[in-house]
Amino acid sequence: MKLLHFIIFAEILIISCAPKYDKSITVVNNPMNPIHDTLREKYAVINDFLETKIKDRSKKIMIHSKKVNTNMTLKILRLNEIYTFDSIDSKKNYEDKTFYKEADWEIARKKYSKNSVVEIENATFRGGECCWVAENFNYKNFILEELDFGTPAYEKKYFFGLNEYGYEFEDFYISEPIYYQNKEYLIFTFSHGKVFPTYEISTRIIIYKKKNGKWVQTHIGVPNWIS
């Protein structure tokens, strides 16, 4: 009995720590440990998307260690400005007003947020959970930045681009992906800017769907007021 209690306690401890300090990428598939498979799936989607965004792999990029607030993902999704995405030419096509479903959104809200609908509609970019770590990413030519974009400390550190990374230094904020429509989709918020000059280019939600065993991007959410 004592051994059984110890095993249960160890499993609870692993589950509670996994989202913050992810070790799942190197874990062999184990049907008894589905949380590892879930994290592996989420981070595989993030890495696949970054492959499409990093054009020059010789240059270093910045990824902010603090994750974007998941409520921002729910907020943008609720605005229902969703477009189909052409994976061939990497452009949005037509607006898909059938993608957003109120009932599915409410399920996601209850699972991923403790806030009310009104609070989510007023959500800000800040206040996300911590944190991304280097092991989450396949791409290794990057730095994890703890300073928030645009703060005095950030601007001082990267003043006018006069830093060891040069002028073409890209700045990424990423949220933890969330499942949508009974795990048919994975959605996350992505913000892409330039360190010099220090300005934010765009914030959007990226939507992946699993097809034939592989996650592929099918939609993008780009509200006019935020892009």
C-alpha atoms as a PDB file:
ATOM      1  CA  MET A   1       0.000   0.000   0.000  1.00  0.00           C
ATOM      2  CA  LYS A   2       2.815   2.420   0.829  1.00  0.00           C
ATOM      3  CA  LEU A   3       4.400   1.663  -2.544  1.00  0.00           C
ATOM      4  CA  LEU A   4       1.106   2.388  -4.330  1.00  0.00           C
ATOM      5  CA  HIS A   5       0.782   5.731  -2.519  1.00  0.00           C
ATOM      6  CA  PHE A   6       4.328   6.625  -3.512  1.00  0.00           C
ATOM      7  CA  ILE A   7       3.655   5.842  -7.210  1.00  0.00           C
ATOM      8  CA  ILE A   8       0.459   7.942  -7.223  1.00  0.00           C
ATOM      9  CA  PHE A   9       2.277  10.841  -5.526  1.00  0.00           C
ATOM     10  CA  ALA A  10       5.118  10.660  -8.077  1.00  0.00           C
ATOM     11  CA  GLU A  11       2.677  10.721 -11.000  1.00  0.00           C
ATOM     12  CA  ILE A  12       0.886  13.775  -9.583  1.00  0.00           C
ATOM     13  CA  LEU A  13       4.202  15.550  -9.106  1.00  0.00           C
ATOM     14  CA  ILE A  14       5.260  14.876 -12.703  1.00  0.00           C
ATOM     15  CA  ILE A  15       1.946  16.139 -14.099  1.00  0.00           C
ATOM     16  CA  SER A  16       2.003  19.320 -12.021  1.00  0.00           C
ATOM     17  CA  CYS A  17       5.529  20.222 -13.147  1.00  0.00           C
ATOM     18  CA  ALA A  18       5.358  19.256 -16.813  1.00  0.00           C
ATOM     19  CA  PRO A  19       3.764  22.435 -18.268  1.00  0.00           C
ATOM     20  CA  LYS A  20       6.429  24.715 -16.762  1.00  0.00           C
ATOM     21  CA  TYR A  21       9.523  22.586 -17.082  1.00  0.00           C
ATOM     22  CA  ASP A  22       8.848  20.478 -20.135  1.00  0.00           C
ATOM     23  CA  LYS A  23      10.877  17.336 -20.554  1.00  0.00           C
ATOM     24  CA  SER A  24       8.329  15.654 -22.795  1.00  0.00           C
ATOM     25  CA  ILE A  25      10.046  16.187 -26.125  1.00  0.00           C
ATOM     26  CA  THR A  26      12.611  13.484 -25.362  1.00  0.00           C
ATOM     27  CA  VAL A  27      10.181  11.109 -23.662  1.00  0.00           C
ATOM     28  CA  VAL A  28       9.334   7.898 -25.522  1.00  0.00           C
ATOM     29  CA  ASN A  29       5.634   7.465 -26.289  1.00  0.00           C
ATOM     30  CA  ASN A  30       3.935   5.931 -23.288  1.00  0.00           C
ATOM     31  CA  PRO A  31       0.193   5.167 -23.320  1.00  0.00           C
ATOM     32  CA  MET A  32       0.222   5.408 -19.508  1.00  0.00           C
ATOM     33  CA  ASN A  33       1.429   9.024 -19.612  1.00  0.00           C
ATOM     34  CA  PRO A  34      -0.806  10.949 -22.057  1.00  0.00           C
ATOM     35  CA  ILE A  35       0.237  14.388 -20.735  1.00  0.00           C
ATOM     36  CA  HIS A  36       3.670  13.891 -22.286  1.00  0.00           C
ATOM     37  CA  ASP A  37       2.104  13.125 -25.663  1.00  0.00           C
ATOM     38  CA  THR A  38      -0.067  16.244 -25.378  1.00  0.00           C
ATOM     39  CA  LEU A  39       2.912  18.504 -24.699  1.00  0.00           C
ATOM     40  CA  ARG A  40       4.928  16.868 -27.463  1.00  0.00           C
ATOM     41  CA  GLU A  41       2.064  17.522 -29.865  1.00  0.00           C
ATOM     42  CA  LYS A  42       1.762  21.177 -28.847  1.00  0.00           C
ATOM     43  CA  TYR A  43       5.463  21.891 -29.113  1.00  0.00           C
ATOM     44  CA  ALA A  44       5.722  20.064 -32.431  1.00  0.00           C
ATOM     45  CA  VAL A  45       3.136  22.518 -33.795  1.00  0.00           C
ATOM     46  CA  ILE A  46       5.089  25.507 -32.429  1.00  0.00           C
ATOM     47  CA  ASN A  47       8.302  24.254 -33.999  1.00  0.00           C
ATOM     48  CA  ASP A  48       6.638  23.533 -37.329  1.00  0.00           C
ATOM     49  CA  PHE A  49       5.299  27.088 -37.423  1.00  0.00           C
ATOM     50  CA  LEU A  50       8.682  28.618 -36.529  1.00  0.00           C
ATOM     51  CA  GLU A  51      10.193  26.736 -39.453  1.00  0.00           C
ATOM     52  CA  THR A  52       7.957  28.806 -41.740  1.00  0.00           C
ATOM     53  CA  LYS A  53       8.853  32.108 -40.041  1.00  0.00           C
ATOM     54  CA  ILE A  54      12.638  31.877 -39.846  1.00  0.00           C
ATOM     55  CA  LYS A  55      13.890  32.671 -43.334  1.00  0.00           C
ATOM     56  CA  ASP A  56      17.577  33.123 -42.575  1.00  0.00           C
ATOM     57  CA  ARG A  57      18.734  30.430 -40.197  1.00  0.00           C
ATOM     58  CA  SER A  58      22.171  32.007 -39.828  1.00  0.00           C
ATOM     59  CA  LYS A  59      20.681  34.925 -37.887  1.00  0.00           C
ATOM     60  CA  LYS A  60      19.743  34.841 -34.244  1.00  0.00           C
ATOM     61  CA  ILE A  61      16.139  35.492 -33.185  1.00  0.00           C
ATOM     62  CA  MET A  62      14.579  36.484 -29.879  1.00  0.00           C
ATOM     63  CA  ILE A  63      11.849  34.457 -28.192  1.00  0.00           C
ATOM     64  CA  HIS A  64      10.345  35.970 -25.072  1.00  0.00           C
ATOM     65  CA  SER A  65      10.440  33.487 -22.233  1.00  0.00           C
ATOM     66  CA  LYS A  66       7.099  34.617 -20.816  1.00  0.00           C
ATOM     67  CA  LYS A  67       4.198  33.120 -22.720  1.00  0.00           C
ATOM     68  CA  VAL A  68       1.424  35.274 -24.123  1.00  0.00           C
ATOM     69  CA  ASN A  69      -1.721  35.272 -22.016  1.00  0.00           C
ATOM     70  CA  THR A  70      -3.961  32.389 -23.154  1.00  0.00           C
ATOM     71  CA  ASN A  71      -6.929  34.725 -22.694  1.00  0.00           C
ATOM     72  CA  MET A  72      -5.591  36.672 -25.687  1.00  0.00           C
ATOM     73  CA  THR A  73      -5.980  33.525 -27.802  1.00  0.00           C
ATOM     74  CA  LEU A  74      -9.577  33.138 -26.608  1.00  0.00           C
ATOM     75  CA  LYS A  75     -10.226  36.844 -27.169  1.00  0.00           C
ATOM     76  CA  ILE A  76      -9.018  36.839 -30.781  1.00  0.00           C
ATOM     77  CA  LEU A  77     -10.825  33.577 -31.510  1.00  0.00           C
ATOM     78  CA  ARG A  78     -14.082  35.066 -30.202  1.00  0.00           C
ATOM     79  CA  LEU A  79     -13.797  38.024 -32.596  1.00  0.00           C
ATOM     80  CA  ASN A  80     -14.431  35.486 -35.373  1.00  0.00           C
ATOM     81  CA  GLU A  81     -12.181  37.079 -37.977  1.00  0.00           C
ATOM     82  CA  ILE A  82     -10.773  33.780 -39.160  1.00  0.00           C
ATOM     83  CA  TYR A  83      -9.321  33.118 -42.608  1.00  0.00           C
ATOM     84  CA  THR A  84      -8.358  29.905 -44.359  1.00  0.00           C
ATOM     85  CA  PHE A  85      -4.645  29.564 -44.891  1.00  0.00           C
ATOM     86  CA  ASP A  86      -2.958  28.409 -48.088  1.00  0.00           C
ATOM     87  CA  SER A  87       0.085  26.384 -47.062  1.00  0.00           C
ATOM     88  CA  ILE A  88       1.502  26.597 -50.587  1.00  0.00           C
ATOM     89  CA  ASP A  89       1.880  30.362 -50.861  1.00  0.00           C
ATOM     90  CA  SER A  90       1.573  31.111 -47.113  1.00  0.00           C
ATOM     91  CA  LYS A  91      -1.286  33.578 -47.607  1.00  0.00           C
ATOM     92  CA  LYS A  92      -4.745  33.862 -46.128  1.00  0.00           C
ATOM     93  CA  ASN A  93      -7.578  33.163 -48.525  1.00  0.00           C
ATOM     94  CA  TYR A  94     -11.260  33.674 -47.773  1.00  0.00           C
ATOM     95  CA  GLU A  95     -12.867  34.505 -44.446  1.00  0.00           C
ATOM     96  CA  ASP A  96     -14.291  31.405 -42.770  1.00  0.00           C
ATOM     97  CA  LYS A  97     -17.294  32.385 -40.657  1.00  0.00           C
ATOM     98  CA  THR A  98     -18.121  28.735 -39.974  1.00  0.00           C
ATOM     99  CA  PHE A  99     -14.967  28.041 -37.980  1.00  0.00           C
ATOM    100  CA  TYR A 100     -15.954  29.788 -34.746  1.00  0.00           C
ATOM    101  CA  LYS A 101     -18.590  27.995 -32.703  1.00  0.00           C
ATOM    102  CA  GLU A 102     -19.891  29.504 -29.483  1.00  0.00           C
ATOM    103  CA  ALA A 103     -20.378  26.168 -27.718  1.00  0.00           C
ATOM    104  CA  ASP A 104     -16.835  25.018 -28.512  1.00  0.00           C
ATOM    105  CA  TRP A 105     -15.435  28.391 -27.462  1.00  0.00           C
ATOM    106  CA  GLU A 106     -17.208  28.106 -24.120  1.00  0.00           C
ATOM    107  CA  ILE A 107     -15.705  24.654 -23.574  1.00  0.00           C
ATOM    108  CA  ALA A 108     -12.253  26.099 -24.282  1.00  0.00           C
ATOM    109  CA  ARG A 109     -12.888  29.039 -21.936  1.00  0.00           C
ATOM    110  CA  LYS A 110     -13.789  26.734 -19.067  1.00  0.00           C
ATOM    111  CA  LYS A 111     -10.751  24.553 -19.689  1.00  0.00           C
ATOM    112  CA  TYR A 112      -8.097  27.202 -20.266  1.00  0.00           C
ATOM    113  CA  SER A 113      -9.279  30.262 -18.337  1.00  0.00           C
ATOM    114  CA  LYS A 114     -10.689  31.118 -14.932  1.00  0.00           C
ATOM    115  CA  ASN A 115     -11.922  34.456 -16.230  1.00  0.00           C
ATOM    116  CA  SER A 116     -15.420  35.432 -17.297  1.00  0.00           C
ATOM    117  CA  VAL A 117     -16.381  36.177 -20.900  1.00  0.00           C
ATOM    118  CA  VAL A 118     -16.227  39.928 -20.209  1.00  0.00           C
ATOM    119  CA  GLU A 119     -12.778  39.644 -18.630  1.00  0.00           C
ATOM    120  CA  ILE A 120     -11.512  37.687 -21.618  1.00  0.00           C
ATOM    121  CA  GLU A 121     -12.922  40.276 -24.027  1.00  0.00           C
ATOM    122  CA  ASN A 122     -10.874  42.876 -22.124  1.00  0.00           C
ATOM    123  CA  ALA A 123      -7.757  40.706 -21.915  1.00  0.00           C
ATOM    124  CA  THR A 124      -4.367  42.248 -22.581  1.00  0.00           C
ATOM    125  CA  PHE A 125      -1.278  40.840 -24.196  1.00  0.00           C
ATOM    126  CA  ARG A 126       0.517  40.674 -20.845  1.00  0.00           C
ATOM    127  CA  GLY A 127      -0.073  38.413 -17.879  1.00  0.00           C
ATOM    128  CA  GLY A 128       0.795  35.137 -19.510  1.00  0.00           C
ATOM    129  CA  GLU A 129       2.053  32.047 -17.790  1.00  0.00           C
ATOM    130  CA  CYS A 130       5.741  31.303 -17.474  1.00  0.00           C
ATOM    131  CA  CYS A 131       7.812  30.117 -19.256  1.00  0.00           C
ATOM    132  CA  TRP A 132       9.349  28.837 -22.449  1.00  0.00           C
ATOM    133  CA  VAL A 133      12.670  27.037 -22.046  1.00  0.00           C
ATOM    134  CA  ALA A 134      15.342  26.232 -24.626  1.00  0.00           C
ATOM    135  CA  GLU A 135      14.428  22.534 -24.677  1.00  0.00           C
ATOM    136  CA  ASN A 136      10.990  23.393 -26.121  1.00  0.00           C
ATOM    137  CA  PHE A 137      12.487  24.482 -29.458  1.00  0.00           C
ATOM    138  CA  ASN A 138      14.259  22.655 -32.255  1.00  0.00           C
ATOM    139  CA  TYR A 139      15.806  25.876 -33.528  1.00  0.00           C
ATOM    140  CA  LYS A 140      18.784  26.735 -31.340  1.00  0.00           C
ATOM    141  CA  ASN A 141      20.075  30.010 -32.796  1.00  0.00           C
ATOM    142  CA  PHE A 142      18.037  32.203 -30.491  1.00  0.00           C
ATOM    143  CA  ILE A 143      18.009  33.877 -27.108  1.00  0.00           C
ATOM    144  CA  LEU A 144      15.271  33.694 -24.495  1.00  0.00           C
ATOM    145  CA  GLU A 145      14.476  37.203 -23.292  1.00  0.00           C
ATOM    146  CA  GLU A 146      12.880  37.876 -19.919  1.00  0.00           C
ATOM    147  CA  LEU A 147      12.419  41.625 -20.464  1.00  0.00           C
ATOM    148  CA  ASP A 148       9.066  42.749 -21.863  1.00  0.00           C
ATOM    149  CA  PHE A 149       9.004  44.267 -25.337  1.00  0.00           C
ATOM    150  CA  GLY A 150       9.105  48.068 -25.365  1.00  0.00           C
ATOM    151  CA  THR A 151       9.913  48.579 -21.684  1.00  0.00           C
ATOM    152  CA  PRO A 152      12.677  51.058 -20.748  1.00  0.00           C
ATOM    153  CA  ALA A 153      14.962  48.198 -19.719  1.00  0.00           C
ATOM    154  CA  TYR A 154      14.313  46.422 -23.021  1.00  0.00           C
ATOM    155  CA  GLU A 155      15.003  49.541 -25.082  1.00  0.00           C
ATOM    156  CA  LYS A 156      18.165  50.275 -23.126  1.00  0.00           C
ATOM    157  CA  LYS A 157      19.450  46.754 -23.684  1.00  0.00           C
ATOM    158  CA  TYR A 158      18.758  46.878 -27.432  1.00  0.00           C
ATOM    159  CA  PHE A 159      19.153  50.621 -27.950  1.00  0.00           C
ATOM    160  CA  PHE A 160      18.933  51.473 -31.672  1.00  0.00           C
ATOM    161  CA  GLY A 161      19.956  47.966 -32.575  1.00  0.00           C
ATOM    162  CA  LEU A 162      23.515  48.562 -31.431  1.00  0.00           C
ATOM    163  CA  ASN A 163      24.019  45.147 -29.886  1.00  0.00           C
ATOM    164  CA  GLU A 164      25.911  41.976 -30.618  1.00  0.00           C
ATOM    165  CA  TYR A 165      23.044  40.581 -32.694  1.00  0.00           C
ATOM    166  CA  GLY A 166      22.984  43.376 -35.278  1.00  0.00           C
ATOM    167  CA  TYR A 167      20.075  45.224 -36.814  1.00  0.00           C
ATOM    168  CA  GLU A 168      18.050  42.399 -38.343  1.00  0.00           C
ATOM    169  CA  PHE A 169      16.960  40.904 -35.051  1.00  0.00           C
ATOM    170  CA  GLU A 170      13.454  39.444 -34.933  1.00  0.00           C
ATOM    171  CA  ASP A 171      11.295  39.374 -31.827  1.00  0.00           C
ATOM    172  CA  PHE A 172       8.734  36.600 -31.141  1.00  0.00           C
ATOM    173  CA  TYR A 173       6.069  36.232 -28.459  1.00  0.00           C
ATOM    174  CA  ILE A 174       4.230  32.889 -28.340  1.00  0.00           C
ATOM    175  CA  SER A 175       1.402  31.542 -26.194  1.00  0.00           C
ATOM    176  CA  GLU A 176       0.816  28.001 -24.999  1.00  0.00           C
ATOM    177  CA  PRO A 177      -1.332  26.230 -27.656  1.00  0.00           C
ATOM    178  CA  ILE A 178      -4.874  25.287 -26.697  1.00  0.00           C
ATOM    179  CA  TYR A 179      -7.101  22.568 -28.099  1.00  0.00           C
ATOM    180  CA  TYR A 180     -10.354  23.488 -29.820  1.00  0.00           C
ATOM    181  CA  GLN A 181     -13.364  21.548 -31.125  1.00  0.00           C
ATOM    182  CA  ASN A 182     -12.718  18.298 -29.261  1.00  0.00           C
ATOM    183  CA  LYS A 183      -8.949  18.391 -29.927  1.00  0.00           C
ATOM    184  CA  GLU A 184      -9.472  18.677 -33.671  1.00  0.00           C
ATOM    185  CA  TYR A 185      -7.499  21.935 -33.705  1.00  0.00           C
ATOM    186  CA  LEU A 186      -4.563  23.483 -31.866  1.00  0.00           C
ATOM    187  CA  ILE A 187      -4.521  27.281 -31.587  1.00  0.00           C
ATOM    188  CA  PHE A 188      -1.909  29.686 -30.251  1.00  0.00           C
ATOM    189  CA  THR A 189      -1.190  33.419 -30.294  1.00  0.00           C
ATOM    190  CA  PHE A 190       1.893  34.613 -32.152  1.00  0.00           C
ATOM    191  CA  SER A 191       3.356  38.107 -32.132  1.00  0.00           C
ATOM    192  CA  HIS A 192       6.156  39.063 -34.483  1.00  0.00           C
ATOM    193  CA  GLY A 193       8.161  42.266 -34.301  1.00  0.00           C
ATOM    194  CA  LYS A 194      11.566  43.803 -34.923  1.00  0.00           C
ATOM    195  CA  VAL A 195      14.021  44.664 -32.202  1.00  0.00           C
ATOM    196  CA  PHE A 196      15.335  47.589 -34.249  1.00  0.00           C
ATOM    197  CA  PRO A 197      13.509  49.810 -34.496  1.00  0.00           C
ATOM    198  CA  THR A 198      11.504  48.552 -31.512  1.00  0.00           C
ATOM    199  CA  TYR A 199       7.985  48.095 -32.786  1.00  0.00           C
ATOM    200  CA  GLU A 200       5.433  45.323 -32.968  1.00  0.00           C
ATOM    201  CA  ILE A 201       4.380  44.246 -36.441  1.00  0.00           C
ATOM    202  CA  SER A 202       1.481  41.921 -35.821  1.00  0.00           C
ATOM    203  CA  THR A 203      -0.373  39.727 -33.355  1.00  0.00           C
ATOM    204  CA  ARG A 204      -2.588  36.904 -34.555  1.00  0.00           C
ATOM    205  CA  ILE A 205      -3.796  33.420 -33.750  1.00  0.00           C
ATOM    206  CA  ILE A 206      -2.345  30.467 -35.633  1.00  0.00           C
ATOM    207  CA  ILE A 207      -4.627  27.474 -36.180  1.00  0.00           C
ATOM    208  CA  TYR A 208      -3.464  23.935 -36.914  1.00  0.00           C
ATOM    209  CA  LYS A 209      -5.507  20.833 -37.716  1.00  0.00           C
ATOM    210  CA  LYS A 210      -4.385  17.226 -37.693  1.00  0.00           C
ATOM    211  CA  LYS A 211      -4.613  15.652 -41.152  1.00  0.00           C
ATOM    212  CA  ASN A 212      -3.424  12.129 -41.925  1.00  0.00           C
ATOM    213  CA  GLY A 213      -1.503  12.014 -38.666  1.00  0.00           C
ATOM    214  CA  LYS A 214       0.299  15.341 -39.207  1.00  0.00           C
ATOM    215  CA  TRP A 215      -0.532  18.789 -37.837  1.00  0.00           C
ATOM    216  CA  VAL A 216      -0.820  21.401 -40.608  1.00  0.00           C
ATOM    217  CA  GLN A 217      -1.848  25.051 -40.519  1.00  0.00           C
ATOM    218  CA  THR A 218      -5.342  25.533 -41.918  1.00  0.00           C
ATOM    219  CA  HIS A 219      -6.470  28.959 -40.610  1.00  0.00           C
ATOM    220  CA  ILE A 220      -5.224  32.250 -39.266  1.00  0.00           C
ATOM    221  CA  GLY A 221      -7.022  34.826 -37.132  1.00  0.00           C
ATOM    222  CA  VAL A 222      -6.061  38.390 -37.992  1.00  0.00           C
ATOM    223  CA  PRO A 223      -8.368  41.014 -36.468  1.00  0.00           C
ATOM    224  CA  ASN A 224      -8.095  44.412 -38.136  1.00  0.00           C
ATOM    225  CA  TRP A 225      -7.715  46.232 -34.837  1.00  0.00           C
ATOM    226  CA  ILE A 226      -4.738  44.164 -33.729  1.00  0.00           C
ATOM    227  CA  SER A 227      -2.738  43.643 -36.921  1.00  0.00           C
END
